[in-house]
PDB file of N, CA and C in Angstrom:
ATOM      1  N   MET A   1      90.095 103.468 122.456  1.00  0.00           N
ATOM      2  CA  MET A   1      90.743 104.851 122.255  1.00  0.00           C
ATOM      3  C   MET A   1      91.981 104.805 121.609  1.00  0.00           C
ATOM      4  N   THR A   2      91.861 105.639 120.322  1.00  0.00           N
ATOM      5  CA  THR A   2      93.145 105.480 119.570  1.00  0.00           C
ATOM      6  C   THR A   2      94.128 106.820 119.981  1.00  0.00           C
ATOM      7  N   ARG A   3      95.297 106.577 120.272  1.00  0.00           N
ATOM      8  CA  ARG A   3      95.998 107.729 120.483  1.00  0.00           C
ATOM      9  C   ARG A   3      96.833 108.180 119.307  1.00  0.00           C
ATOM     10  N   ALA A   4      97.088 109.358 119.299  1.00  0.00           N
ATOM     11  CA  ALA A   4      97.864 109.997 118.330  1.00  0.00           C
ATOM     12  C   ALA A   4      99.230 109.691 118.454  1.00  0.00           C
ATOM     13  N   PRO A   5     100.203 109.392 117.476  1.00  0.00           N
ATOM     14  CA  PRO A   5     101.530 109.197 117.815  1.00  0.00           C
ATOM     15  C   PRO A   5     102.266 110.255 118.259  1.00  0.00           C
ATOM     16  N   ALA A   6     103.148 109.943 119.095  1.00  0.00           N
ATOM     17  CA  ALA A   6     103.904 111.232 119.870  1.00  0.00           C
ATOM     18  C   ALA A   6     104.541 112.022 118.691  1.00  0.00           C
ATOM     19  N   ALA A   7     104.769 113.372 118.911  1.00  0.00           N
ATOM     20  CA  ALA A   7     105.368 114.108 118.194  1.00  0.00           C
ATOM     21  C   ALA A   7     106.728 113.730 118.064  1.00  0.00           C
ATOM     22  N   PRO A   8     107.438 113.913 116.890  1.00  0.00           N
ATOM     23  CA  PRO A   8     108.842 113.384 116.798  1.00  0.00           C
ATOM     24  C   PRO A   8     109.828 114.493 117.806  1.00  0.00           C
ATOM     25  N   SER A   9     110.833 114.023 118.223  1.00  0.00           N
ATOM     26  CA  SER A   9     111.460 114.901 118.895  1.00  0.00           C
ATOM     27  C   SER A   9     113.266 114.628 118.483  1.00  0.00           C
ATOM     28  N   PRO A  10     114.077 115.559 118.712  1.00  0.00           N
ATOM     29  CA  PRO A  10     115.494 115.325 118.209  1.00  0.00           C
ATOM     30  C   PRO A  10     116.004 114.096 118.976  1.00  0.00           C
ATOM     31  N   ARG A  11     116.954 113.258 118.586  1.00  0.00           N
ATOM     32  CA  ARG A  11     117.309 111.916 119.318  1.00  0.00           C
ATOM     33  C   ARG A  11     118.447 112.677 120.035  1.00  0.00           C
ATOM     34  N   HIS A  12     119.183 113.661 119.776  1.00  0.00           N
ATOM     35  CA  HIS A  12     120.164 114.316 120.397  1.00  0.00           C
ATOM     36  C   HIS A  12     120.322 115.712 119.907  1.00  0.00           C
ATOM     37  N   ARG A  13     120.819 116.637 120.964  1.00  0.00           N
ATOM     38  CA  ARG A  13     121.062 117.892 120.652  1.00  0.00           C
ATOM     39  C   ARG A  13     122.276 118.306 121.033  1.00  0.00           C
ATOM     40  N   LEU A  14     122.818 119.207 119.913  1.00  0.00           N
ATOM     41  CA  LEU A  14     124.245 119.969 120.282  1.00  0.00           C
ATOM     42  C   LEU A  14     124.073 121.540 120.427  1.00  0.00           C
ATOM     43  N   SER A  15     124.571 121.911 121.323  1.00  0.00           N
ATOM     44  CA  SER A  15     124.252 123.456 121.359  1.00  0.00           C
ATOM     45  C   SER A  15     125.621 124.041 121.025  1.00  0.00           C
ATOM     46  N   LYS A  16     126.170 125.109 122.167  1.00  0.00           N
ATOM     47  CA  LYS A  16     127.372 125.614 121.788  1.00  0.00           C
ATOM     48  C   LYS A  16     128.736 124.420 122.163  1.00  0.00           C
ATOM     49  N   ALA A  17     128.294 123.165 122.359  1.00  0.00           N
ATOM     50  CA  ALA A  17     129.447 121.928 122.557  1.00  0.00           C
ATOM     51  C   ALA A  17     130.193 122.025 121.142  1.00  0.00           C
ATOM     52  N   ALA A  18     129.218 121.995 120.056  1.00  0.00           N
ATOM     53  CA  ALA A  18     130.034 121.890 119.000  1.00  0.00           C
ATOM     54  C   ALA A  18     131.123 122.828 118.645  1.00  0.00           C
ATOM     55  N   ASP A  19     131.112 124.160 119.106  1.00  0.00           N
ATOM     56  CA  ASP A  19     132.200 124.917 118.661  1.00  0.00           C
ATOM     57  C   ASP A  19     133.390 124.340 119.636  1.00  0.00           C
ATOM     58  N   LYS A  20     133.306 123.886 120.763  1.00  0.00           N
ATOM     59  CA  LYS A  20     134.382 123.640 121.454  1.00  0.00           C
ATOM     60  C   LYS A  20     134.875 122.302 121.075  1.00  0.00           C
ATOM     61  N   VAL A  21     134.227 121.571 120.560  1.00  0.00           N
ATOM     62  CA  VAL A  21     134.525 120.124 119.921  1.00  0.00           C
ATOM     63  C   VAL A  21     135.463 120.523 118.461  1.00  0.00           C
ATOM     64  N   ARG A  22     134.971 121.435 117.561  1.00  0.00           N
ATOM     65  CA  ARG A  22     136.014 121.730 116.822  1.00  0.00           C
ATOM     66  C   ARG A  22     137.100 122.357 117.085  1.00  0.00           C
ATOM     67  N   GLU A  23     137.326 123.292 118.043  1.00  0.00           N
ATOM     68  CA  GLU A  23     138.262 123.806 118.869  1.00  0.00           C
ATOM     69  C   GLU A  23     139.174 122.912 119.352  1.00  0.00           C
ATOM     70  N   PHE A  24     138.655 121.884 119.969  1.00  0.00           N
ATOM     71  CA  PHE A  24     139.706 120.943 120.651  1.00  0.00           C
ATOM     72  C   PHE A  24     140.218 119.992 119.577  1.00  0.00           C
ATOM     73  N   LEU A  25     139.213 119.537 118.632  1.00  0.00           N
ATOM     74  CA  LEU A  25     139.924 118.713 117.759  1.00  0.00           C
ATOM     75  C   LEU A  25     141.112 119.332 116.922  1.00  0.00           C
ATOM     76  N   ALA A  26     141.148 120.756 116.640  1.00  0.00           N
ATOM     77  CA  ALA A  26     142.107 121.496 116.009  1.00  0.00           C
ATOM     78  C   ALA A  26     143.220 121.481 116.788  1.00  0.00           C
ATOM     79  N   ALA A  27     143.049 121.601 118.105  1.00  0.00           N
ATOM     80  CA  ALA A  27     144.188 121.743 119.096  1.00  0.00           C
ATOM     81  C   ALA A  27     145.006 120.315 118.941  1.00  0.00           C
ATOM     82  N   GLU A  28     144.378 119.327 118.663  1.00  0.00           N
ATOM     83  CA  GLU A  28     144.796 117.674 118.809  1.00  0.00           C
ATOM     84  C   GLU A  28     146.031 117.710 117.814  1.00  0.00           C
ATOM     85  N   ASP A  29     145.750 118.516 116.678  1.00  0.00           N
ATOM     86  CA  ASP A  29     146.654 118.469 115.601  1.00  0.00           C
ATOM     87  C   ASP A  29     147.143 117.062 114.922  1.00  0.00           C
ATOM     88  N   ASP A  30     145.702 116.402 115.048  1.00  0.00           N
ATOM     89  CA  ASP A  30     145.926 114.750 114.596  1.00  0.00           C
ATOM     90  C   ASP A  30     144.481 114.745 113.428  1.00  0.00           C
ATOM     91  N   ALA A  31     145.071 114.896 112.134  1.00  0.00           N
ATOM     92  CA  ALA A  31     144.014 114.939 111.166  1.00  0.00           C
ATOM     93  C   ALA A  31     143.010 113.531 111.013  1.00  0.00           C
ATOM     94  N   GLU A  32     143.604 112.383 111.760  1.00  0.00           N
ATOM     95  CA  GLU A  32     142.864 111.271 111.804  1.00  0.00           C
ATOM     96  C   GLU A  32     141.634 111.263 112.780  1.00  0.00           C
ATOM     97  N   LEU A  33     141.767 112.102 113.929  1.00  0.00           N
ATOM     98  CA  LEU A  33     140.643 112.270 114.853  1.00  0.00           C
ATOM     99  C   LEU A  33     139.579 113.333 114.186  1.00  0.00           C
ATOM    100  N   THR A  34     138.730 112.859 113.740  1.00  0.00           N
ATOM    101  CA  THR A  34     137.501 113.490 113.238  1.00  0.00           C
ATOM    102  C   THR A  34     136.245 113.775 113.977  1.00  0.00           C
ATOM    103  N   ALA A  35     135.999 112.832 114.979  1.00  0.00           N
ATOM    104  CA  ALA A  35     134.702 112.873 115.711  1.00  0.00           C
ATOM    105  C   ALA A  35     134.639 112.786 117.138  1.00  0.00           C
ATOM    106  N   LEU A  36     133.580 113.109 117.713  1.00  0.00           N
ATOM    107  CA  LEU A  36     133.389 113.106 119.145  1.00  0.00           C
ATOM    108  C   LEU A  36     132.607 111.903 119.615  1.00  0.00           C
ATOM    109  N   ARG A  37     133.333 111.110 120.501  1.00  0.00           N
ATOM    110  CA  ARG A  37     132.551 109.721 120.788  1.00  0.00           C
ATOM    111  C   ARG A  37     132.122 110.040 122.356  1.00  0.00           C
ATOM    112  N   VAL A  38     130.708 109.708 122.376  1.00  0.00           N
ATOM    113  CA  VAL A  38     130.020 109.817 123.712  1.00  0.00           C
ATOM    114  C   VAL A  38     129.556 108.548 124.046  1.00  0.00           C
ATOM    115  N   ALA A  39     129.923 108.082 125.382  1.00  0.00           N
ATOM    116  CA  ALA A  39     129.584 106.901 126.022  1.00  0.00           C
ATOM    117  C   ALA A  39     128.971 107.025 127.348  1.00  0.00           C
ATOM    118  N   VAL A  40     128.190 105.900 127.593  1.00  0.00           N
ATOM    119  CA  VAL A  40     127.831 105.692 129.070  1.00  0.00           C
ATOM    120  C   VAL A  40     128.912 104.434 129.342  1.00  0.00           C
ATOM    121  N   GLN A  41     129.440 104.589 130.735  1.00  0.00           N
ATOM    122  CA  GLN A  41     130.266 103.392 131.171  1.00  0.00           C
ATOM    123  C   GLN A  41     129.966 103.428 132.712  1.00  0.00           C
ATOM    124  N   GLY A  42     130.135 101.953 133.040  1.00  0.00           N
ATOM    125  CA  GLY A  42     129.687 101.644 134.471  1.00  0.00           C
ATOM    126  C   GLY A  42     130.684 102.611 135.206  1.00  0.00           C
ATOM    127  N   GLY A  43     130.164 102.545 136.537  1.00  0.00           N
ATOM    128  CA  GLY A  43     131.131 103.658 137.530  1.00  0.00           C
ATOM    129  C   GLY A  43     130.374 104.760 138.037  1.00  0.00           C
ATOM    130  N   GLY A  44     130.829 105.608 138.773  1.00  0.00           N
ATOM    131  CA  GLY A  44     130.297 106.787 139.256  1.00  0.00           C
ATOM    132  C   GLY A  44     129.496 106.479 140.612  1.00  0.00           C
ATOM    133  N   CYS A  45     128.984 107.539 140.850  1.00  0.00           N
ATOM    134  CA  CYS A  45     128.126 107.486 142.134  1.00  0.00           C
ATOM    135  C   CYS A  45     126.983 106.732 141.973  1.00  0.00           C
ATOM    136  N   SER A  46     126.193 106.971 140.837  1.00  0.00           N
ATOM    137  CA  SER A  46     124.538 106.464 140.577  1.00  0.00           C
ATOM    138  C   SER A  46     124.667 105.350 139.618  1.00  0.00           C
ATOM    139  N   GLY A  47     126.161 104.644 139.383  1.00  0.00           N
ATOM    140  CA  GLY A  47     126.189 103.354 138.497  1.00  0.00           C
ATOM    141  C   GLY A  47     126.665 103.746 137.173  1.00  0.00           C
ATOM    142  N   PHE A  48     126.738 104.603 136.463  1.00  0.00           N
ATOM    143  CA  PHE A  48     126.918 105.050 135.258  1.00  0.00           C
ATOM    144  C   PHE A  48     127.570 106.480 135.307  1.00  0.00           C
ATOM    145  N   GLN A  49     128.613 106.653 134.425  1.00  0.00           N
ATOM    146  CA  GLN A  49     129.082 107.846 133.974  1.00  0.00           C
ATOM    147  C   GLN A  49     129.300 108.162 132.531  1.00  0.00           C
ATOM    148  N   TYR A  50     129.643 109.265 132.110  1.00  0.00           N
ATOM    149  CA  TYR A  50     129.637 109.897 130.775  1.00  0.00           C
ATOM    150  C   TYR A  50     131.132 109.708 130.396  1.00  0.00           C
ATOM    151  N   ALA A  51     131.527 109.214 129.286  1.00  0.00           N
ATOM    152  CA  ALA A  51     132.725 109.346 128.578  1.00  0.00           C
ATOM    153  C   ALA A  51     132.847 110.076 127.407  1.00  0.00           C
ATOM    154  N   LEU A  52     133.610 111.144 127.225  1.00  0.00           N
ATOM    155  CA  LEU A  52     133.657 111.847 125.994  1.00  0.00           C
ATOM    156  C   LEU A  52     134.973 111.721 125.572  1.00  0.00           C
ATOM    157  N   GLY A  53     135.515 111.437 124.196  1.00  0.00           N
ATOM    158  CA  GLY A  53     136.492 111.706 123.642  1.00  0.00           C
ATOM    159  C   GLY A  53     136.634 111.426 122.197  1.00  0.00           C
ATOM    160  N   PHE A  54     137.940 111.770 121.423  1.00  0.00           N
ATOM    161  CA  PHE A  54     137.838 111.763 120.121  1.00  0.00           C
ATOM    162  C   PHE A  54     138.125 110.679 119.557  1.00  0.00           C
ATOM    163  N   ASP A  55     137.887 110.236 118.301  1.00  0.00           N
ATOM    164  CA  ASP A  55     137.740 109.037 117.666  1.00  0.00           C
ATOM    165  C   ASP A  55     138.008 109.228 116.267  1.00  0.00           C
ATOM    166  N   THR A  56     138.549 108.152 115.507  1.00  0.00           N
ATOM    167  CA  THR A  56     138.932 108.513 114.053  1.00  0.00           C
ATOM    168  C   THR A  56     137.777 108.094 113.390  1.00  0.00           C
ATOM    169  N   GLY A  57     136.933 107.464 113.908  1.00  0.00           N
ATOM    170  CA  GLY A  57     135.650 107.179 112.694  1.00  0.00           C
ATOM    171  C   GLY A  57     134.740 105.953 113.643  1.00  0.00           C
ATOM    172  N   ALA A  58     133.567 105.717 113.022  1.00  0.00           N
ATOM    173  CA  ALA A  58     132.591 104.801 113.544  1.00  0.00           C
ATOM    174  C   ALA A  58     133.072 103.560 113.532  1.00  0.00           C
ATOM    175  N   GLN A  59     132.637 102.650 114.451  1.00  0.00           N
ATOM    176  CA  GLN A  59     132.723 101.301 114.620  1.00  0.00           C
ATOM    177  C   GLN A  59     131.320 100.379 114.217  1.00  0.00           C
ATOM    178  N   ASP A  60     131.278  99.319 113.975  1.00  0.00           N
ATOM    179  CA  ASP A  60     130.213  98.594 113.539  1.00  0.00           C
ATOM    180  C   ASP A  60     128.994  98.858 114.683  1.00  0.00           C
ATOM    181  N   GLY A  61     127.916  99.270 114.104  1.00  0.00           N
ATOM    182  CA  GLY A  61     126.766  99.411 115.020  1.00  0.00           C
ATOM    183  C   GLY A  61     126.765 100.740 115.794  1.00  0.00           C
ATOM    184  N   ASP A  62     127.801 101.780 115.590  1.00  0.00           N
ATOM    185  CA  ASP A  62     127.448 103.186 116.093  1.00  0.00           C
ATOM    186  C   ASP A  62     126.552 103.712 115.303  1.00  0.00           C
ATOM    187  N   GLU A  63     126.061 104.650 116.151  1.00  0.00           N
ATOM    188  CA  GLU A  63     124.956 105.661 115.691  1.00  0.00           C
ATOM    189  C   GLU A  63     125.916 106.892 115.220  1.00  0.00           C
ATOM    190  N   VAL A  64     125.591 107.321 114.303  1.00  0.00           N
ATOM    191  CA  VAL A  64     126.542 108.240 113.460  1.00  0.00           C
ATOM    192  C   VAL A  64     125.623 109.582 113.557  1.00  0.00           C
ATOM    193  N   ILE A  65     125.901 110.755 114.271  1.00  0.00           N
ATOM    194  CA  ILE A  65     124.978 111.992 114.120  1.00  0.00           C
ATOM    195  C   ILE A  65     126.095 113.157 113.516  1.00  0.00           C
ATOM    196  N   GLU A  66     125.410 113.669 112.535  1.00  0.00           N
ATOM    197  CA  GLU A  66     126.138 114.884 112.021  1.00  0.00           C
ATOM    198  C   GLU A  66     125.321 116.227 112.322  1.00  0.00           C
ATOM    199  N   ALA A  67     125.800 117.160 113.198  1.00  0.00           N
ATOM    200  CA  ALA A  67     124.886 118.079 113.628  1.00  0.00           C
ATOM    201  C   ALA A  67     126.163 119.205 113.848  1.00  0.00           C
ATOM    202  N   HIS A  68     125.685 120.458 113.476  1.00  0.00           N
ATOM    203  CA  HIS A  68     126.210 121.756 113.757  1.00  0.00           C
ATOM    204  C   HIS A  68     127.794 121.580 113.431  1.00  0.00           C
ATOM    205  N   GLY A  69     128.024 120.939 112.138  1.00  0.00           N
ATOM    206  CA  GLY A  69     129.354 120.629 111.741  1.00  0.00           C
ATOM    207  C   GLY A  69     130.284 119.784 112.393  1.00  0.00           C
ATOM    208  N   ILE A  70     129.731 118.745 113.237  1.00  0.00           N
ATOM    209  CA  ILE A  70     130.609 118.068 113.912  1.00  0.00           C
ATOM    210  C   ILE A  70     129.934 116.618 113.586  1.00  0.00           C
ATOM    211  N   THR A  71     130.670 115.691 114.142  1.00  0.00           N
ATOM    212  CA  THR A  71     130.357 114.179 113.848  1.00  0.00           C
ATOM    213  C   THR A  71     130.249 113.745 115.457  1.00  0.00           C
ATOM    214  N   VAL A  72     129.366 112.999 115.691  1.00  0.00           N
ATOM    215  CA  VAL A  72     129.147 112.616 117.059  1.00  0.00           C
ATOM    216  C   VAL A  72     128.851 110.878 116.978  1.00  0.00           C
ATOM    217  N   LEU A  73     129.622 110.142 117.616  1.00  0.00           N
ATOM    218  CA  LEU A  73     129.449 108.816 117.580  1.00  0.00           C
ATOM    219  C   LEU A  73     129.087 108.251 118.921  1.00  0.00           C
ATOM    220  N   ILE A  74     128.015 107.377 118.995  1.00  0.00           N
ATOM    221  CA  ILE A  74     127.485 106.744 120.032  1.00  0.00           C
ATOM    222  C   ILE A  74     127.386 105.131 119.948  1.00  0.00           C
ATOM    223  N   ASP A  75     128.083 104.177 120.626  1.00  0.00           N
ATOM    224  CA  ASP A  75     127.997 102.977 120.631  1.00  0.00           C
ATOM    225  C   ASP A  75     126.595 102.457 120.814  1.00  0.00           C
ATOM    226  N   PRO A  76     126.164 101.260 120.471  1.00  0.00           N
ATOM    227  CA  PRO A  76     124.933 100.474 120.492  1.00  0.00           C
ATOM    228  C   PRO A  76     124.578 100.419 121.996  1.00  0.00           C
ATOM    229  N   PHE A  77     125.431 100.147 122.811  1.00  0.00           N
ATOM    230  CA  PHE A  77     125.150  99.889 124.322  1.00  0.00           C
ATOM    231  C   PHE A  77     124.621 101.287 124.945  1.00  0.00           C
ATOM    232  N   SER A  78     125.400 102.316 124.653  1.00  0.00           N
ATOM    233  CA  SER A  78     125.011 103.535 125.010  1.00  0.00           C
ATOM    234  C   SER A  78     124.039 104.443 124.613  1.00  0.00           C
ATOM    235  N   LEU A  79     123.547 103.991 123.197  1.00  0.00           N
ATOM    236  CA  LEU A  79     122.400 104.719 122.652  1.00  0.00           C
ATOM    237  C   LEU A  79     121.163 104.779 123.337  1.00  0.00           C
ATOM    238  N   PRO A  80     120.711 103.725 123.965  1.00  0.00           N
ATOM    239  CA  PRO A  80     119.468 103.837 124.504  1.00  0.00           C
ATOM    240  C   PRO A  80     119.365 104.928 125.833  1.00  0.00           C
ATOM    241  N   TYR A  81     120.542 105.093 126.545  1.00  0.00           N
ATOM    242  CA  TYR A  81     120.888 105.712 127.787  1.00  0.00           C
ATOM    243  C   TYR A  81     121.060 107.234 127.149  1.00  0.00           C
ATOM    244  N   LEU A  82     121.559 107.622 126.135  1.00  0.00           N
ATOM    245  CA  LEU A  82     121.789 108.945 125.522  1.00  0.00           C
ATOM    246  C   LEU A  82     120.609 109.508 124.732  1.00  0.00           C
ATOM    247  N   ASP A  83     119.553 108.646 124.476  1.00  0.00           N
ATOM    248  CA  ASP A  83     118.569 109.135 123.424  1.00  0.00           C
ATOM    249  C   ASP A  83     118.079 110.433 124.032  1.00  0.00           C
ATOM    250  N   GLY A  84     117.999 111.429 123.185  1.00  0.00           N
ATOM    251  CA  GLY A  84     117.370 113.032 123.710  1.00  0.00           C
ATOM    252  C   GLY A  84     118.135 113.747 124.674  1.00  0.00           C
ATOM    253  N   ALA A  85     119.413 113.059 124.803  1.00  0.00           N
ATOM    254  CA  ALA A  85     120.447 113.947 125.665  1.00  0.00           C
ATOM    255  C   ALA A  85     120.931 115.389 124.941  1.00  0.00           C
ATOM    256  N   ASP A  86     121.021 116.132 125.832  1.00  0.00           N
ATOM    257  CA  ASP A  86     121.638 117.643 125.419  1.00  0.00           C
ATOM    258  C   ASP A  86     123.092 117.622 125.923  1.00  0.00           C
ATOM    259  N   ILE A  87     124.217 117.675 124.744  1.00  0.00           N
ATOM    260  CA  ILE A  87     125.440 118.118 125.381  1.00  0.00           C
ATOM    261  C   ILE A  87     125.885 119.479 125.017  1.00  0.00           C
ATOM    262  N   ASP A  88     126.280 120.031 126.073  1.00  0.00           N
ATOM    263  CA  ASP A  88     126.474 121.562 126.128  1.00  0.00           C
ATOM    264  C   ASP A  88     127.929 121.590 126.714  1.00  0.00           C
ATOM    265  N   PHE A  89     128.375 122.915 126.467  1.00  0.00           N
ATOM    266  CA  PHE A  89     129.553 123.365 127.221  1.00  0.00           C
ATOM    267  C   PHE A  89     129.353 124.612 127.836  1.00  0.00           C
ATOM    268  N   VAL A  90     129.847 124.225 129.115  1.00  0.00           N
ATOM    269  CA  VAL A  90     129.524 125.365 130.275  1.00  0.00           C
ATOM    270  C   VAL A  90     130.903 126.098 130.537  1.00  0.00           C
ATOM    271  N   ASP A  91     130.930 127.323 130.924  1.00  0.00           N
ATOM    272  CA  ASP A  91     132.070 127.897 131.255  1.00  0.00           C
ATOM    273  C   ASP A  91     131.337 128.885 132.419  1.00  0.00           C
ATOM    274  N   GLY A  92     131.601 128.694 133.707  1.00  0.00           N
ATOM    275  CA  GLY A  92     131.109 129.485 134.827  1.00  0.00           C
ATOM    276  C   GLY A  92     131.930 129.229 136.165  1.00  0.00           C
ATOM    277  N   LEU A  93     131.187 129.805 137.132  1.00  0.00           N
ATOM    278  CA  LEU A  93     131.665 129.804 138.473  1.00  0.00           C
ATOM    279  C   LEU A  93     132.044 128.346 138.726  1.00  0.00           C
ATOM    280  N   ASN A  94     131.367 127.297 138.719  1.00  0.00           N
ATOM    281  CA  ASN A  94     131.157 126.181 139.015  1.00  0.00           C
ATOM    282  C   ASN A  94     132.139 125.281 138.228  1.00  0.00           C
ATOM    283  N   GLY A  95     132.603 125.706 137.442  1.00  0.00           N
ATOM    284  CA  GLY A  95     133.391 125.039 136.225  1.00  0.00           C
ATOM    285  C   GLY A  95     133.479 125.088 134.838  1.00  0.00           C
ATOM    286  N   THR A  96     134.459 124.398 134.324  1.00  0.00           N
ATOM    287  CA  THR A  96     134.334 124.511 132.763  1.00  0.00           C
ATOM    288  C   THR A  96     134.368 123.323 132.259  1.00  0.00           C
ATOM    289  N   GLY A  97     133.763 122.991 131.199  1.00  0.00           N
ATOM    290  CA  GLY A  97     133.615 121.792 131.017  1.00  0.00           C
ATOM    291  C   GLY A  97     132.269 121.193 130.156  1.00  0.00           C
ATOM    292  N   PHE A  98     132.334 120.294 129.544  1.00  0.00           N
ATOM    293  CA  PHE A  98     131.075 119.478 128.768  1.00  0.00           C
ATOM    294  C   PHE A  98     130.205 119.129 129.876  1.00  0.00           C
ATOM    295  N   SER A  99     128.822 119.447 129.680  1.00  0.00           N
ATOM    296  CA  SER A  99     127.701 119.154 130.489  1.00  0.00           C
ATOM    297  C   SER A  99     126.668 118.300 129.725  1.00  0.00           C
ATOM    298  N   ILE A 100     126.234 117.451 130.126  1.00  0.00           N
ATOM    299  CA  ILE A 100     125.060 116.446 129.307  1.00  0.00           C
ATOM    300  C   ILE A 100     123.892 116.535 130.375  1.00  0.00           C
ATOM    301  N   THR A 101     122.765 116.911 129.805  1.00  0.00           N
ATOM    302  CA  THR A 101     121.494 117.012 130.472  1.00  0.00           C
ATOM    303  C   THR A 101     120.712 115.716 130.116  1.00  0.00           C
ATOM    304  N   ASN A 102     120.412 114.832 130.538  1.00  0.00           N
ATOM    305  CA  ASN A 102     119.825 113.558 130.229  1.00  0.00           C
ATOM    306  C   ASN A 102     118.472 113.517 130.642  1.00  0.00           C
ATOM    307  N   PRO A 103     117.516 113.462 129.823  1.00  0.00           N
ATOM    308  CA  PRO A 103     116.047 113.147 130.256  1.00  0.00           C
ATOM    309  C   PRO A 103     115.787 111.860 130.696  1.00  0.00           C
ATOM    310  N   ASN A 104     117.043 110.684 130.214  1.00  0.00           N
ATOM    311  CA  ASN A 104     116.655 109.506 130.902  1.00  0.00           C
ATOM    312  C   ASN A 104     116.940 108.923 132.195  1.00  0.00           C
ATOM    313  N   THR A 105     117.853 109.925 132.914  1.00  0.00           N
ATOM    314  CA  THR A 105     118.411 109.863 134.157  1.00  0.00           C
ATOM    315  C   THR A 105     117.338 109.686 134.996  1.00  0.00           C
ATOM    316  N   VAL A 106     117.207 108.530 135.912  1.00  0.00           N
ATOM    317  CA  VAL A 106     116.439 108.337 137.000  1.00  0.00           C
ATOM    318  C   VAL A 106     116.951 108.669 138.396  1.00  0.00           C
ATOM    319  N   SER A 107     118.187 108.536 138.567  1.00  0.00           N
ATOM    320  CA  SER A 107     118.689 109.139 139.809  1.00  0.00           C
ATOM    321  C   SER A 107     120.340 109.817 139.514  1.00  0.00           C
ATOM    322  N   GLY A 108     120.866 110.250 140.459  1.00  0.00           N
ATOM    323  CA  GLY A 108     122.063 110.897 140.252  1.00  0.00           C
ATOM    324  C   GLY A 108     122.842 111.065 141.333  1.00  0.00           C
ATOM    325  N   CYS A 109     123.937 111.690 141.486  1.00  0.00           N
ATOM    326  CA  CYS A 109     124.824 111.827 142.456  1.00  0.00           C
ATOM    327  C   CYS A 109     124.374 113.112 143.097  1.00  0.00           C
ATOM    328  N   GLY A 110     124.480 113.231 144.466  1.00  0.00           N
ATOM    329  CA  GLY A 110     124.336 114.633 145.077  1.00  0.00           C
ATOM    330  C   GLY A 110     125.214 115.740 144.564  1.00  0.00           C
ATOM    331  N   CYS A 111     126.517 115.440 144.028  1.00  0.00           N
ATOM    332  CA  CYS A 111     126.898 116.529 143.595  1.00  0.00           C
ATOM    333  C   CYS A 111     126.857 116.902 142.176  1.00  0.00           C
ATOM    334  N   GLY A 112     125.781 116.117 141.765  1.00  0.00           N
ATOM    335  CA  GLY A 112     125.185 116.734 140.330  1.00  0.00           C
ATOM    336  C   GLY A 112     125.877 115.989 139.273  1.00  0.00           C
ATOM    337  N   SER A 113     126.857 115.020 139.444  1.00  0.00           N
ATOM    338  CA  SER A 113     127.537 114.561 138.283  1.00  0.00           C
ATOM    339  C   SER A 113     126.788 113.345 137.848  1.00  0.00           C
TER     340      SER A 113
END
């Protein structure tokens, strides 16, 4: 039996997080910081945690994503773990900050991190 190829899906999605990234980059007042770097690092309750920060540009092997007027950089180690992840910015009763919804997560912390 031959299967049809899977429908293409966006590798990464950004929603209103892009507005906050632009706002925070402007507040940094450093013209060399031009991109949001997203990474997966060891640590956290479930073995990995997300790291977000600003960067001056891509390193060798980085995935460079231009979306919603911002540049997102993902290193080669983190890329498979972040494939299809949705980066959002939430402002609610439970806190304010960036939120990553990741379809690749197989377990998580009881606190939701």
